[in-house]
Amino acid sequence: MMIRIVAGTLLVALIALQYRLWVSGNGMREVWRLEQAIATQQQENDGLEARNRALAAEVRDLKDGHAALEERARTDLGMIGANETFYQVVPPEASNAPAAQTPQRTAQAEAR
């Protein structure tokens, strides 16, 4: 009789612990949710690390090399070199040159 009471008590304790482990909010559900959050955060961190490496390389280029600095000045600020001449090509207006637009249309149609 005593063994049945001890076995029953142990069985109830085991069921309570298993319930807490698998069903409650602090059990395996929380572990799985945290693992998913860690994986998501790791992906975001990897992307940010790649961006940081690219920015660090750009900073090194700007500090050490004049080519990167010159490229930035040309593209972002529209600057030109001391011994260079700037030519701006203005496309013809649509009403003045309809024949000039025909090759562009065919090139665009072929690209599609």
C-alpha atoms as a PDB file:
ATOM      1  CA  MET A   1       0.000   0.000   0.000  1.00  0.00           C
ATOM      2  CA  MET A   2       2.804   2.392   0.887  1.00  0.00           C
ATOM      3  CA  ILE A   3       4.551   1.676  -2.421  1.00  0.00           C
ATOM      4  CA  ARG A   4       1.403   2.651  -4.354  1.00  0.00           C
ATOM      5  CA  ILE A   5       1.201   5.989  -2.554  1.00  0.00           C
ATOM      6  CA  VAL A   6       4.887   6.731  -3.243  1.00  0.00           C
ATOM      7  CA  ALA A   7       4.538   5.606  -6.882  1.00  0.00           C
ATOM      8  CA  GLY A   8       1.379   7.687  -7.299  1.00  0.00           C
ATOM      9  CA  THR A   9       3.071  10.734  -5.777  1.00  0.00           C
ATOM     10  CA  LEU A  10       6.084  10.292  -8.058  1.00  0.00           C
ATOM     11  CA  LEU A  11       3.799   9.885 -11.081  1.00  0.00           C
ATOM     12  CA  VAL A  12       1.902  13.082 -10.225  1.00  0.00           C
ATOM     13  CA  ALA A  13       5.207  14.931  -9.731  1.00  0.00           C
ATOM     14  CA  LEU A  14       6.487  13.607 -13.070  1.00  0.00           C
ATOM     15  CA  ILE A  15       3.313  14.685 -14.885  1.00  0.00           C
ATOM     16  CA  ALA A  16       3.478  18.144 -13.271  1.00  0.00           C
ATOM     17  CA  LEU A  17       7.109  18.559 -14.304  1.00  0.00           C
ATOM     18  CA  GLN A  18       6.407  17.345 -17.842  1.00  0.00           C
ATOM     19  CA  TYR A  19       3.478  19.765 -18.091  1.00  0.00           C
ATOM     20  CA  ARG A  20       5.721  22.597 -16.984  1.00  0.00           C
ATOM     21  CA  LEU A  21       8.403  21.546 -19.420  1.00  0.00           C
ATOM     22  CA  TRP A  22       6.269  21.146 -22.560  1.00  0.00           C
ATOM     23  CA  VAL A  23       3.109  23.217 -22.099  1.00  0.00           C
ATOM     24  CA  SER A  24       3.811  26.187 -19.836  1.00  0.00           C
ATOM     25  CA  GLY A  25       5.074  29.512 -21.114  1.00  0.00           C
ATOM     26  CA  ASN A  26       8.472  29.110 -19.453  1.00  0.00           C
ATOM     27  CA  GLY A  27       9.176  25.661 -20.889  1.00  0.00           C
ATOM     28  CA  MET A  28      10.173  24.438 -24.317  1.00  0.00           C
ATOM     29  CA  ARG A  29       7.917  26.937 -26.103  1.00  0.00           C
ATOM     30  CA  GLU A  30      10.005  29.751 -24.668  1.00  0.00           C
ATOM     31  CA  VAL A  31      13.217  27.965 -25.631  1.00  0.00           C
ATOM     32  CA  TRP A  32      12.019  27.530 -29.228  1.00  0.00           C
ATOM     33  CA  ARG A  33      10.893  31.169 -29.399  1.00  0.00           C
ATOM     34  CA  LEU A  34      14.243  32.347 -28.070  1.00  0.00           C
ATOM     35  CA  GLU A  35      16.146  30.136 -30.534  1.00  0.00           C
ATOM     36  CA  GLN A  36      14.153  31.655 -33.394  1.00  0.00           C
ATOM     37  CA  ALA A  37      14.811  35.171 -32.080  1.00  0.00           C
ATOM     38  CA  ILE A  38      18.529  34.373 -31.837  1.00  0.00           C
ATOM     39  CA  ALA A  39      18.599  33.118 -35.438  1.00  0.00           C
ATOM     40  CA  THR A  40      16.800  36.243 -36.658  1.00  0.00           C
ATOM     41  CA  GLN A  41      19.148  38.507 -34.712  1.00  0.00           C
ATOM     42  CA  GLN A  42      22.179  36.604 -36.026  1.00  0.00           C
ATOM     43  CA  GLN A  43      21.037  37.169 -39.620  1.00  0.00           C
ATOM     44  CA  GLU A  44      20.585  40.867 -38.930  1.00  0.00           C
ATOM     45  CA  ASN A  45      24.012  41.012 -37.275  1.00  0.00           C
ATOM     46  CA  ASP A  46      25.626  39.311 -40.273  1.00  0.00           C
ATOM     47  CA  GLY A  47      24.117  41.896 -42.611  1.00  0.00           C
ATOM     48  CA  LEU A  48      25.273  44.738 -40.384  1.00  0.00           C
ATOM     49  CA  GLU A  49      28.779  43.272 -40.145  1.00  0.00           C
ATOM     50  CA  ALA A  50      28.996  43.136 -43.946  1.00  0.00           C
ATOM     51  CA  ARG A  51      27.843  46.753 -44.145  1.00  0.00           C
ATOM     52  CA  ASN A  52      30.381  47.765 -41.501  1.00  0.00           C
ATOM     53  CA  ARG A  53      33.198  46.017 -43.392  1.00  0.00           C
ATOM     54  CA  ALA A  54      32.217  47.863 -46.581  1.00  0.00           C
ATOM     55  CA  LEU A  55      32.124  51.181 -44.741  1.00  0.00           C
ATOM     56  CA  ALA A  56      35.485  50.485 -43.084  1.00  0.00           C
ATOM     57  CA  ALA A  57      37.016  49.692 -46.488  1.00  0.00           C
ATOM     58  CA  GLU A  58      35.600  52.922 -47.886  1.00  0.00           C
ATOM     59  CA  VAL A  59      37.014  54.899 -44.953  1.00  0.00           C
ATOM     60  CA  ARG A  60      40.446  53.298 -45.505  1.00  0.00           C
ATOM     61  CA  ASP A  61      40.274  54.176 -49.193  1.00  0.00           C
ATOM     62  CA  LEU A  62      39.314  57.749 -48.416  1.00  0.00           C
ATOM     63  CA  LYS A  63      42.130  58.107 -45.876  1.00  0.00           C
ATOM     64  CA  ASP A  64      44.874  56.405 -47.891  1.00  0.00           C
ATOM     65  CA  GLY A  65      44.027  56.659 -51.564  1.00  0.00           C
ATOM     66  CA  HIS A  66      43.383  59.743 -53.614  1.00  0.00           C
ATOM     67  CA  ALA A  67      41.492  57.781 -56.273  1.00  0.00           C
ATOM     68  CA  ALA A  68      38.529  57.109 -53.977  1.00  0.00           C
ATOM     69  CA  LEU A  69      38.486  60.721 -52.831  1.00  0.00           C
ATOM     70  CA  GLU A  70      38.598  61.943 -56.430  1.00  0.00           C
ATOM     71  CA  GLU A  71      35.810  59.552 -57.409  1.00  0.00           C
ATOM     72  CA  ARG A  72      33.631  60.821 -54.556  1.00  0.00           C
ATOM     73  CA  ALA A  73      34.287  64.433 -55.569  1.00  0.00           C
ATOM     74  CA  ARG A  74      33.328  63.676 -59.171  1.00  0.00           C
ATOM     75  CA  THR A  75      30.166  61.679 -58.517  1.00  0.00           C
ATOM     76  CA  ASP A  76      28.760  63.384 -55.435  1.00  0.00           C
ATOM     77  CA  LEU A  77      29.913  66.977 -55.891  1.00  0.00           C
ATOM     78  CA  GLY A  78      30.252  67.202 -59.685  1.00  0.00           C
ATOM     79  CA  MET A  79      33.848  68.431 -59.501  1.00  0.00           C
ATOM     80  CA  ILE A  80      36.398  68.172 -62.325  1.00  0.00           C
ATOM     81  CA  GLY A  81      40.210  68.055 -62.335  1.00  0.00           C
ATOM     82  CA  ALA A  82      42.498  71.045 -62.883  1.00  0.00           C
ATOM     83  CA  ASN A  83      43.563  70.114 -66.449  1.00  0.00           C
ATOM     84  CA  GLU A  84      40.224  68.706 -67.540  1.00  0.00           C
ATOM     85  CA  THR A  85      37.442  70.185 -69.654  1.00  0.00           C
ATOM     86  CA  PHE A  86      33.825  69.530 -68.824  1.00  0.00           C
ATOM     87  CA  TYR A  87      31.417  68.855 -71.669  1.00  0.00           C
ATOM     88  CA  GLN A  88      27.704  68.587 -71.039  1.00  0.00           C
ATOM     89  CA  VAL A  89      25.743  66.743 -73.701  1.00  0.00           C
ATOM     90  CA  VAL A  90      22.160  67.920 -73.949  1.00  0.00           C
ATOM     91  CA  PRO A  91      19.755  65.499 -75.655  1.00  0.00           C
ATOM     92  CA  PRO A  92      17.728  66.992 -78.523  1.00  0.00           C
ATOM     93  CA  GLU A  93      14.163  68.017 -77.802  1.00  0.00           C
ATOM     94  CA  ALA A  94      11.348  65.754 -78.968  1.00  0.00           C
ATOM     95  CA  SER A  95       9.780  68.320 -81.313  1.00  0.00           C
ATOM     96  CA  ASN A  96      13.032  69.218 -83.117  1.00  0.00           C
ATOM     97  CA  ALA A  97      14.376  65.720 -83.831  1.00  0.00           C
ATOM     98  CA  PRO A  98      11.753  62.987 -84.188  1.00  0.00           C
ATOM     99  CA  ALA A  99      14.156  60.845 -86.252  1.00  0.00           C
ATOM    100  CA  ALA A 100      16.668  60.801 -83.407  1.00  0.00           C
ATOM    101  CA  GLN A 101      14.126  59.178 -81.114  1.00  0.00           C
ATOM    102  CA  THR A 102      13.345  56.275 -83.428  1.00  0.00           C
ATOM    103  CA  PRO A 103      16.603  54.356 -82.760  1.00  0.00           C
ATOM    104  CA  GLN A 104      16.095  54.776 -79.025  1.00  0.00           C
ATOM    105  CA  ARG A 105      12.617  53.290 -79.253  1.00  0.00           C
ATOM    106  CA  THR A 106      13.812  50.281 -81.208  1.00  0.00           C
ATOM    107  CA  ALA A 107      16.718  49.766 -78.822  1.00  0.00           C
ATOM    108  CA  GLN A 108      14.310  49.863 -75.891  1.00  0.00           C
ATOM    109  CA  ALA A 109      11.882  47.520 -77.651  1.00  0.00           C
ATOM    110  CA  GLU A 110      14.702  45.066 -78.382  1.00  0.00           C
ATOM    111  CA  ALA A 111      15.855  45.199 -74.771  1.00  0.00           C
ATOM    112  CA  ARG A 112      12.401  44.111 -73.607  1.00  0.00           C
END
